[in-house]
Full PDB file with SEQRES, HELIX, SHEET, SSBOND, CRYST1, ORIGX, SCALE, CONECT and MASTER records, all heavy atoms in Angstrom:
SEQRES   1 A   33  ALA THR GLY GLY ALA ILE ALA ARG ARG PHE ALA ARG GLU          
SEQRES   2 A   33  GLY TYR GLU VAL CYS VAL ALA ARG ARG THR GLU SER ALA          
SEQRES   3 A   33  LEU ALA PRO LEU VAL GLU SER                                  
HELIX    1 AA1 THR A    2  ARG A   12  1                                  11    
HELIX    2 AA2 GLU A   24  LEU A   27  5                                   4    
HELIX    3 AA3 ALA A   28  GLU A   32  1                                   5    
CRYST1    1.000    1.000    1.000  90.00  90.00  90.00 P 1           1          
ORIGX1      1.000000  0.000000  0.000000        0.00000                         
ORIGX2      0.000000  1.000000  0.000000        0.00000                         
ORIGX3      0.000000  0.000000  1.000000        0.00000                         
SCALE1      1.000000  0.000000  0.000000        0.00000                         
SCALE2      0.000000  1.000000  0.000000        0.00000                         
SCALE3      0.000000  0.000000  1.000000        0.00000                         
ATOM      1  N   ALA A   1      25.513  47.576 -88.689  1.00  0.00           N  
ATOM      2  CA  ALA A   1      26.841  47.184 -88.228  1.00  0.00           C  
ATOM      3  C   ALA A   1      27.437  48.228 -87.287  1.00  0.00           C  
ATOM      4  O   ALA A   1      27.032  48.352 -86.133  1.00  0.00           O  
ATOM      5  CB  ALA A   1      27.748  46.892 -89.425  1.00  0.00           C  
ATOM      6  N   THR A   2      28.338  49.045 -87.824  1.00  0.00           N  
ATOM      7  CA  THR A   2      29.071  49.988 -86.976  1.00  0.00           C  
ATOM      8  C   THR A   2      28.175  50.992 -86.283  1.00  0.00           C  
ATOM      9  O   THR A   2      28.286  51.213 -85.073  1.00  0.00           O  
ATOM     10  CB  THR A   2      30.145  50.758 -87.795  1.00  0.00           C  
ATOM     11  OG1 THR A   2      31.009  49.780 -88.428  1.00  0.00           O  
ATOM     12  CG2 THR A   2      30.955  51.652 -86.933  1.00  0.00           C  
ATOM     13  N   GLY A   3      27.290  51.665 -87.035  1.00  0.00           N  
ATOM     14  CA  GLY A   3      26.423  52.652 -86.445  1.00  0.00           C  
ATOM     15  C   GLY A   3      25.547  52.094 -85.324  1.00  0.00           C  
ATOM     16  O   GLY A   3      25.408  52.713 -84.263  1.00  0.00           O  
ATOM     17  N   GLY A   4      25.010  50.937 -85.560  1.00  0.00           N  
ATOM     18  CA  GLY A   4      24.162  50.285 -84.548  1.00  0.00           C  
ATOM     19  C   GLY A   4      24.977  49.926 -83.320  1.00  0.00           C  
ATOM     20  O   GLY A   4      24.495  50.087 -82.178  1.00  0.00           O  
ATOM     21  N   ALA A   5      26.174  49.441 -83.525  1.00  0.00           N  
ATOM     22  CA  ALA A   5      27.020  49.064 -82.384  1.00  0.00           C  
ATOM     23  C   ALA A   5      27.412  50.279 -81.547  1.00  0.00           C  
ATOM     24  O   ALA A   5      27.436  50.210 -80.324  1.00  0.00           O  
ATOM     25  CB  ALA A   5      28.310  48.364 -82.901  1.00  0.00           C  
ATOM     26  N   ILE A   6      27.675  51.412 -82.207  1.00  0.00           N  
ATOM     27  CA  ILE A   6      28.007  52.646 -81.495  1.00  0.00           C  
ATOM     28  C   ILE A   6      26.803  53.074 -80.664  1.00  0.00           C  
ATOM     29  O   ILE A   6      26.929  53.466 -79.487  1.00  0.00           O  
ATOM     30  CB  ILE A   6      28.431  53.756 -82.452  1.00  0.00           C  
ATOM     31  CG1 ILE A   6      29.759  53.380 -83.141  1.00  0.00           C  
ATOM     32  CG2 ILE A   6      28.581  55.092 -81.734  1.00  0.00           C  
ATOM     33  CD1 ILE A   6      30.110  54.280 -84.322  1.00  0.00           C  
ATOM     34  N   ALA A   7      25.611  53.022 -81.240  1.00  0.00           N  
ATOM     35  CA  ALA A   7      24.407  53.395 -80.515  1.00  0.00           C  
ATOM     36  C   ALA A   7      24.210  52.508 -79.279  1.00  0.00           C  
ATOM     37  O   ALA A   7      23.906  53.030 -78.200  1.00  0.00           O  
ATOM     38  CB  ALA A   7      23.194  53.332 -81.457  1.00  0.00           C  
ATOM     39  N   ARG A   8      24.404  51.226 -79.464  1.00  0.00           N  
ATOM     40  CA  ARG A   8      24.210  50.324 -78.285  1.00  0.00           C  
ATOM     41  C   ARG A   8      25.260  50.602 -77.229  1.00  0.00           C  
ATOM     42  O   ARG A   8      24.968  50.536 -76.030  1.00  0.00           O  
ATOM     43  CB  ARG A   8      24.333  48.869 -78.774  1.00  0.00           C  
ATOM     44  CG  ARG A   8      23.127  48.380 -79.591  1.00  0.00           C  
ATOM     45  CD  ARG A   8      23.179  46.886 -79.824  1.00  0.00           C  
ATOM     46  NE  ARG A   8      24.316  46.474 -80.620  1.00  0.00           N  
ATOM     47  CZ  ARG A   8      24.314  46.404 -81.943  1.00  0.00           C  
ATOM     48  NH1 ARG A   8      23.183  46.731 -82.623  1.00  0.00           N  
ATOM     49  NH2 ARG A   8      25.374  46.012 -82.611  1.00  0.00           N  
ATOM     50  N   ARG A   9      26.501  50.934 -77.658  1.00  0.00           N  
ATOM     51  CA  ARG A   9      27.563  51.177 -76.661  1.00  0.00           C  
ATOM     52  C   ARG A   9      27.255  52.395 -75.795  1.00  0.00           C  
ATOM     53  O   ARG A   9      27.412  52.360 -74.564  1.00  0.00           O  
ATOM     54  CB  ARG A   9      28.885  51.380 -77.393  1.00  0.00           C  
ATOM     55  CG  ARG A   9      30.078  51.559 -76.452  1.00  0.00           C  
ATOM     56  CD  ARG A   9      30.322  50.250 -75.669  1.00  0.00           C  
ATOM     57  NE  ARG A   9      31.414  50.405 -74.709  1.00  0.00           N  
ATOM     58  CZ  ARG A   9      31.222  50.840 -73.434  1.00  0.00           C  
ATOM     59  NH1 ARG A   9      30.025  51.238 -73.033  1.00  0.00           N  
ATOM     60  NH2 ARG A   9      32.256  50.899 -72.628  1.00  0.00           N  
ATOM     61  N   PHE A  10      26.800  53.478 -76.415  1.00  0.00           N  
ATOM     62  CA  PHE A  10      26.485  54.667 -75.655  1.00  0.00           C  
ATOM     63  C   PHE A  10      25.219  54.466 -74.817  1.00  0.00           C  
ATOM     64  O   PHE A  10      25.117  54.992 -73.702  1.00  0.00           O  
ATOM     65  CB  PHE A  10      26.359  55.877 -76.569  1.00  0.00           C  
ATOM     66  CG  PHE A  10      27.687  56.479 -76.929  1.00  0.00           C  
ATOM     67  CD1 PHE A  10      28.455  55.961 -77.948  1.00  0.00           C  
ATOM     68  CD2 PHE A  10      28.177  57.559 -76.208  1.00  0.00           C  
ATOM     69  CE1 PHE A  10      29.689  56.529 -78.281  1.00  0.00           C  
ATOM     70  CE2 PHE A  10      29.423  58.140 -76.488  1.00  0.00           C  
ATOM     71  CZ  PHE A  10      30.183  57.615 -77.548  1.00  0.00           C  
ATOM     72  N   ALA A  11      24.266  53.707 -75.349  1.00  0.00           N  
ATOM     73  CA  ALA A  11      23.046  53.427 -74.567  1.00  0.00           C  
ATOM     74  C   ALA A  11      23.387  52.664 -73.269  1.00  0.00           C  
ATOM     75  O   ALA A  11      22.774  52.926 -72.233  1.00  0.00           O  
ATOM     76  CB  ALA A  11      22.065  52.626 -75.415  1.00  0.00           C  
ATOM     77  N   ARG A  12      24.363  51.771 -73.345  1.00  0.00           N  
ATOM     78  CA  ARG A  12      24.749  51.034 -72.146  1.00  0.00           C  
ATOM     79  C   ARG A  12      25.318  51.937 -71.064  1.00  0.00           C  
ATOM     80  O   ARG A  12      25.323  51.597 -69.890  1.00  0.00           O  
ATOM     81  CB  ARG A  12      25.762  49.937 -72.474  1.00  0.00           C  
ATOM     82  CG  ARG A  12      25.190  48.782 -73.260  1.00  0.00           C  
ATOM     83  CD  ARG A  12      26.054  47.541 -73.155  1.00  0.00           C  
ATOM     84  NE  ARG A  12      27.412  47.718 -73.608  1.00  0.00           N  
ATOM     85  CZ  ARG A  12      27.824  47.574 -74.878  1.00  0.00           C  
ATOM     86  NH1 ARG A  12      26.920  47.225 -75.813  1.00  0.00           N  
ATOM     87  NH2 ARG A  12      29.102  47.734 -75.210  1.00  0.00           N  
ATOM     88  N   GLU A  13      25.806  53.089 -71.486  1.00  0.00           N  
ATOM     89  CA  GLU A  13      26.385  54.049 -70.524  1.00  0.00           C  
ATOM     90  C   GLU A  13      25.345  55.044 -70.028  1.00  0.00           C  
ATOM     91  O   GLU A  13      25.696  56.021 -69.363  1.00  0.00           O  
ATOM     92  CB  GLU A  13      27.557  54.786 -71.143  1.00  0.00           C  
ATOM     93  CG  GLU A  13      28.707  53.883 -71.567  1.00  0.00           C  
ATOM     94  CD  GLU A  13      29.401  53.238 -70.387  1.00  0.00           C  
ATOM     95  OE1 GLU A  13      29.292  53.769 -69.255  1.00  0.00           O  
ATOM     96  OE2 GLU A  13      30.007  52.169 -70.598  1.00  0.00           O  
ATOM     97  N   GLY A  14      24.098  54.844 -70.398  1.00  0.00           N  
ATOM     98  CA  GLY A  14      23.037  55.714 -69.893  1.00  0.00           C  
ATOM     99  C   GLY A  14      22.664  56.845 -70.796  1.00  0.00           C  
ATOM    100  O   GLY A  14      21.862  57.733 -70.426  1.00  0.00           O  
ATOM    101  N   TYR A  15      23.225  56.880 -71.996  1.00  0.00           N  
ATOM    102  CA  TYR A  15      22.889  57.932 -72.940  1.00  0.00           C  
ATOM    103  C   TYR A  15      21.550  57.678 -73.612  1.00  0.00           C  
ATOM    104  O   TYR A  15      21.249  56.532 -73.955  1.00  0.00           O  
ATOM    105  CB  TYR A  15      23.980  58.081 -74.022  1.00  0.00           C  
ATOM    106  CG  TYR A  15      25.200  58.843 -73.547  1.00  0.00           C  
ATOM    107  CD1 TYR A  15      26.068  58.259 -72.630  1.00  0.00           C  
ATOM    108  CD2 TYR A  15      25.469  60.131 -73.990  1.00  0.00           C  
ATOM    109  CE1 TYR A  15      27.186  58.962 -72.151  1.00  0.00           C  
ATOM    110  CE2 TYR A  15      26.574  60.823 -73.525  1.00  0.00           C  
ATOM    111  CZ  TYR A  15      27.418  60.237 -72.621  1.00  0.00           C  
ATOM    112  OH  TYR A  15      28.492  60.941 -72.143  1.00  0.00           O  
ATOM    113  N   GLU A  16      20.798  58.724 -73.790  1.00  0.00           N  
ATOM    114  CA  GLU A  16      19.604  58.658 -74.622  1.00  0.00           C  
ATOM    115  C   GLU A  16      20.099  58.710 -76.080  1.00  0.00           C  
ATOM    116  O   GLU A  16      20.749  59.686 -76.496  1.00  0.00           O  
ATOM    117  CB  GLU A  16      18.719  59.864 -74.345  1.00  0.00           C  
ATOM    118  CG  GLU A  16      17.303  59.708 -74.807  1.00  0.00           C  
ATOM    119  CD  GLU A  16      16.305  59.463 -73.661  1.00  0.00           C  
ATOM    120  OE1 GLU A  16      16.759  59.488 -72.482  1.00  0.00           O  
ATOM    121  OE2 GLU A  16      15.158  59.250 -73.944  1.00  0.00           O  
ATOM    122  N   VAL A  17      19.823  57.670 -76.819  1.00  0.00           N  
ATOM    123  CA  VAL A  17      20.403  57.550 -78.154  1.00  0.00           C  
ATOM    124  C   VAL A  17      19.386  57.918 -79.213  1.00  0.00           C  
ATOM    125  O   VAL A  17      18.235  57.378 -79.224  1.00  0.00           O  
ATOM    126  CB  VAL A  17      20.906  56.103 -78.385  1.00  0.00           C  
ATOM    127  CG1 VAL A  17      21.452  55.941 -79.820  1.00  0.00           C  
ATOM    128  CG2 VAL A  17      21.999  55.753 -77.391  1.00  0.00           C  
ATOM    129  N   CYS A  18      19.782  58.826 -80.130  1.00  0.00           N  
ATOM    130  CA  CYS A  18      18.923  59.212 -81.236  1.00  0.00           C  
ATOM    131  C   CYS A  18      19.607  58.692 -82.512  1.00  0.00           C  
ATOM    132  O   CYS A  18      20.687  59.145 -82.876  1.00  0.00           O  
ATOM    133  CB  CYS A  18      18.780  60.727 -81.294  1.00  0.00           C  
ATOM    134  SG  CYS A  18      17.931  61.407 -79.883  1.00  0.00           S  
ATOM    135  N   VAL A  19      18.965  57.722 -83.131  1.00  0.00           N  
ATOM    136  CA  VAL A  19      19.567  57.075 -84.319  1.00  0.00           C  
ATOM    137  C   VAL A  19      18.812  57.517 -85.552  1.00  0.00           C  
ATOM    138  O   VAL A  19      17.577  57.651 -85.572  1.00  0.00           O  
ATOM    139  CB  VAL A  19      19.550  55.544 -84.172  1.00  0.00           C  
ATOM    140  CG1 VAL A  19      20.528  55.103 -83.077  1.00  0.00           C  
ATOM    141  CG2 VAL A  19      18.175  55.017 -83.859  1.00  0.00           C  
ATOM    142  N   ALA A  20      19.583  57.748 -86.638  1.00  0.00           N  
ATOM    143  CA  ALA A  20      18.962  58.265 -87.869  1.00  0.00           C  
ATOM    144  C   ALA A  20      19.522  57.577 -89.065  1.00  0.00           C  
ATOM    145  O   ALA A  20      20.724  57.263 -89.154  1.00  0.00           O  
ATOM    146  CB  ALA A  20      19.220  59.769 -87.950  1.00  0.00           C  
ATOM    147  N   ARG A  21      18.648  57.329 -90.022  1.00  0.00           N  
ATOM    148  CA  ARG A  21      19.058  56.842 -91.360  1.00  0.00           C  
ATOM    149  C   ARG A  21      17.944  57.207 -92.346  1.00  0.00           C  
ATOM    150  O   ARG A  21      16.889  57.724 -91.923  1.00  0.00           O  
ATOM    151  CB  ARG A  21      19.349  55.340 -91.361  1.00  0.00           C  
ATOM    152  CG  ARG A  21      18.190  54.465 -90.962  1.00  0.00           C  
ATOM    153  CD  ARG A  21      18.625  53.005 -90.763  1.00  0.00           C  
ATOM    154  NE  ARG A  21      19.089  52.372 -92.009  1.00  0.00           N  
ATOM    155  CZ  ARG A  21      19.461  51.113 -92.078  1.00  0.00           C  
ATOM    156  NH1 ARG A  21      19.491  50.345 -90.982  1.00  0.00           N  
ATOM    157  NH2 ARG A  21      19.844  50.574 -93.239  1.00  0.00           N  
ATOM    158  N   ARG A  22      18.145  56.924 -93.602  1.00  0.00           N  
ATOM    159  CA  ARG A  22      17.186  57.386 -94.600  1.00  0.00           C  
ATOM    160  C   ARG A  22      15.793  56.850 -94.322  1.00  0.00           C  
ATOM    161  O   ARG A  22      14.787  57.585 -94.468  1.00  0.00           O  
ATOM    162  CB  ARG A  22      17.631  56.934 -96.005  1.00  0.00           C  
ATOM    163  CG  ARG A  22      18.788  57.739 -96.589  1.00  0.00           C  
ATOM    164  CD  ARG A  22      18.361  59.137 -97.008  1.00  0.00           C  
ATOM    165  NE  ARG A  22      17.406  59.118 -98.064  1.00  0.00           N  
ATOM    166  CZ  ARG A  22      17.711  59.101 -99.369  1.00  0.00           C  
ATOM    167  NH1 ARG A  22      18.998  59.074 -99.723  1.00  0.00           N  
ATOM    168  NH2 ARG A  22      16.790  59.119-100.304  1.00  0.00           N  
ATOM    169  N   THR A  23      15.675  55.590 -93.984  1.00  0.00           N  
ATOM    170  CA  THR A  23      14.362  54.942 -93.778  1.00  0.00           C  
ATOM    171  C   THR A  23      14.164  54.686 -92.287  1.00  0.00           C  
ATOM    172  O   THR A  23      14.852  53.857 -91.708  1.00  0.00           O  
ATOM    173  CB  THR A  23      14.253  53.623 -94.571  1.00  0.00           C  
ATOM    174  OG1 THR A  23      14.559  53.860 -95.942  1.00  0.00           O  
ATOM    175  CG2 THR A  23      12.862  53.029 -94.428  1.00  0.00           C  
ATOM    176  N   GLU A  24      13.251  55.389 -91.681  1.00  0.00           N  
ATOM    177  CA  GLU A  24      13.050  55.268 -90.232  1.00  0.00           C  
ATOM    178  C   GLU A  24      12.636  53.860 -89.825  1.00  0.00           C  
ATOM    179  O   GLU A  24      13.094  53.336 -88.820  1.00  0.00           O  
ATOM    180  CB  GLU A  24      11.960  56.265 -89.777  1.00  0.00           C  
ATOM    181  CG  GLU A  24      11.711  56.271 -88.278  1.00  0.00           C  
ATOM    182  CD  GLU A  24      10.738  57.315 -87.842  1.00  0.00           C  
ATOM    183  OE1 GLU A  24      10.469  58.260 -88.624  1.00  0.00           O  
ATOM    184  OE2 GLU A  24      10.192  57.195 -86.721  1.00  0.00           O  
ATOM    185  N   SER A  25      11.795  53.215 -90.606  1.00  0.00           N  
ATOM    186  CA  SER A  25      11.309  51.880 -90.242  1.00  0.00           C  
ATOM    187  C   SER A  25      12.465  50.865 -90.166  1.00  0.00           C  
ATOM    188  O   SER A  25      12.361  49.875 -89.399  1.00  0.00           O  
ATOM    189  CB  SER A  25      10.297  51.384 -91.261  1.00  0.00           C  
ATOM    190  OG  SER A  25      10.841  51.318 -92.580  1.00  0.00           O  
ATOM    191  N   ALA A  26      13.539  51.094 -90.885  1.00  0.00           N  
ATOM    192  CA  ALA A  26      14.681  50.165 -90.839  1.00  0.00           C  
ATOM    193  C   ALA A  26      15.384  50.211 -89.497  1.00  0.00           C  
ATOM    194  O   ALA A  26      16.210  49.327 -89.189  1.00  0.00           O  
ATOM    195  CB  ALA A  26      15.670  50.483 -91.956  1.00  0.00           C  
ATOM    196  N   LEU A  27      15.108  51.228 -88.673  1.00  0.00           N  
ATOM    197  CA  LEU A  27      15.735  51.340 -87.378  1.00  0.00           C  
ATOM    198  C   LEU A  27      15.019  50.570 -86.271  1.00  0.00           C  
ATOM    199  O   LEU A  27      15.514  50.498 -85.161  1.00  0.00           O  
ATOM    200  CB  LEU A  27      15.800  52.828 -86.997  1.00  0.00           C  
ATOM    201  CG  LEU A  27      16.772  53.693 -87.813  1.00  0.00           C  
ATOM    202  CD1 LEU A  27      16.448  55.165 -87.607  1.00  0.00           C  
ATOM    203  CD2 LEU A  27      18.194  53.392 -87.424  1.00  0.00           C  
ATOM    204  N   ALA A  28      13.860  50.051 -86.578  1.00  0.00           N  
ATOM    205  CA  ALA A  28      13.042  49.388 -85.552  1.00  0.00           C  
ATOM    206  C   ALA A  28      13.801  48.265 -84.812  1.00  0.00           C  
ATOM    207  O   ALA A  28      13.769  48.248 -83.568  1.00  0.00           O  
ATOM    208  CB  ALA A  28      11.748  48.857 -86.175  1.00  0.00           C  
ATOM    209  N   PRO A  29      14.495  47.353 -85.497  1.00  0.00           N  
ATOM    210  CA  PRO A  29      15.215  46.312 -84.751  1.00  0.00           C  
ATOM    211  C   PRO A  29      16.264  46.875 -83.807  1.00  0.00           C  
ATOM    212  O   PRO A  29      16.444  46.355 -82.699  1.00  0.00           O  
ATOM    213  CB  PRO A  29      15.844  45.466 -85.871  1.00  0.00           C  
ATOM    214  CG  PRO A  29      14.991  45.717 -87.074  1.00  0.00           C  
ATOM    215  CD  PRO A  29      14.576  47.161 -86.953  1.00  0.00           C  
ATOM    216  N   LEU A  30      16.983  47.916 -84.255  1.00  0.00           N  
ATOM    217  CA  LEU A  30      18.023  48.507 -83.391  1.00  0.00           C  
ATOM    218  C   LEU A  30      17.412  49.139 -82.163  1.00  0.00           C  
ATOM    219  O   LEU A  30      17.852  48.936 -81.019  1.00  0.00           O  
ATOM    220  CB  LEU A  30      18.791  49.543 -84.185  1.00  0.00           C  
ATOM    221  CG  LEU A  30      19.805  50.385 -83.395  1.00  0.00           C  
ATOM    222  CD1 LEU A  30      20.866  49.482 -82.755  1.00  0.00           C  
ATOM    223  CD2 LEU A  30      20.475  51.421 -84.308  1.00  0.00           C  
ATOM    224  N   VAL A  31      16.337  49.922 -82.354  1.00  0.00           N  
ATOM    225  CA  VAL A  31      15.686  50.586 -81.212  1.00  0.00           C  
ATOM    226  C   VAL A  31      15.129  49.541 -80.255  1.00  0.00           C  
ATOM    227  O   VAL A  31      15.275  49.680 -79.017  1.00  0.00           O  
ATOM    228  CB  VAL A  31      14.555  51.514 -81.721  1.00  0.00           C  
ATOM    229  CG1 VAL A  31      13.708  52.029 -80.565  1.00  0.00           C  
ATOM    230  CG2 VAL A  31      15.159  52.702 -82.502  1.00  0.00           C  
ATOM    231  N   GLU A  32      14.512  48.518 -80.790  1.00  0.00           N  
ATOM    232  CA  GLU A  32      13.958  47.451 -79.927  1.00  0.00           C  
ATOM    233  C   GLU A  32      15.034  46.732 -79.139  1.00  0.00           C  
ATOM    234  O   GLU A  32      14.853  46.429 -77.957  1.00  0.00           O  
ATOM    235  CB  GLU A  32      13.178  46.452 -80.781  1.00  0.00           C  
ATOM    236  CG  GLU A  32      11.893  47.024 -81.380  1.00  0.00           C  
ATOM    237  CD  GLU A  32      11.279  46.129 -82.436  1.00  0.00           C  
ATOM    238  OE1 GLU A  32      11.830  44.999 -82.652  1.00  0.00           O  
ATOM    239  OE2 GLU A  32      10.253  46.528 -83.043  1.00  0.00           O  
ATOM    240  N   SER A  33      16.204  46.502 -79.753  1.00  0.00           N  
ATOM    241  CA  SER A  33      17.280  45.798 -79.032  1.00  0.00           C  
ATOM    242  C   SER A  33      17.847  46.678 -77.918  1.00  0.00           C  
ATOM    243  O   SER A  33      18.165  46.179 -76.850  1.00  0.00           O  
ATOM    244  CB  SER A  33      18.392  45.425 -80.019  1.00  0.00           C  
ATOM    245  OG  SER A  33      19.092  46.557 -80.506  1.00  0.00           O  
TER     246      SER A  33                                                      
MASTER        0    0    0    3    0    0    0    6  245    1    0    3          
END                                                                             
């Protein structure tokens, strides 16, 4: 929800986004999007 939306917002501005959570594999959909 919020964390993913923030990552997408900064990525749209050209930022290289590094996203982190306990389980790395759970981040796959966010990174792919």
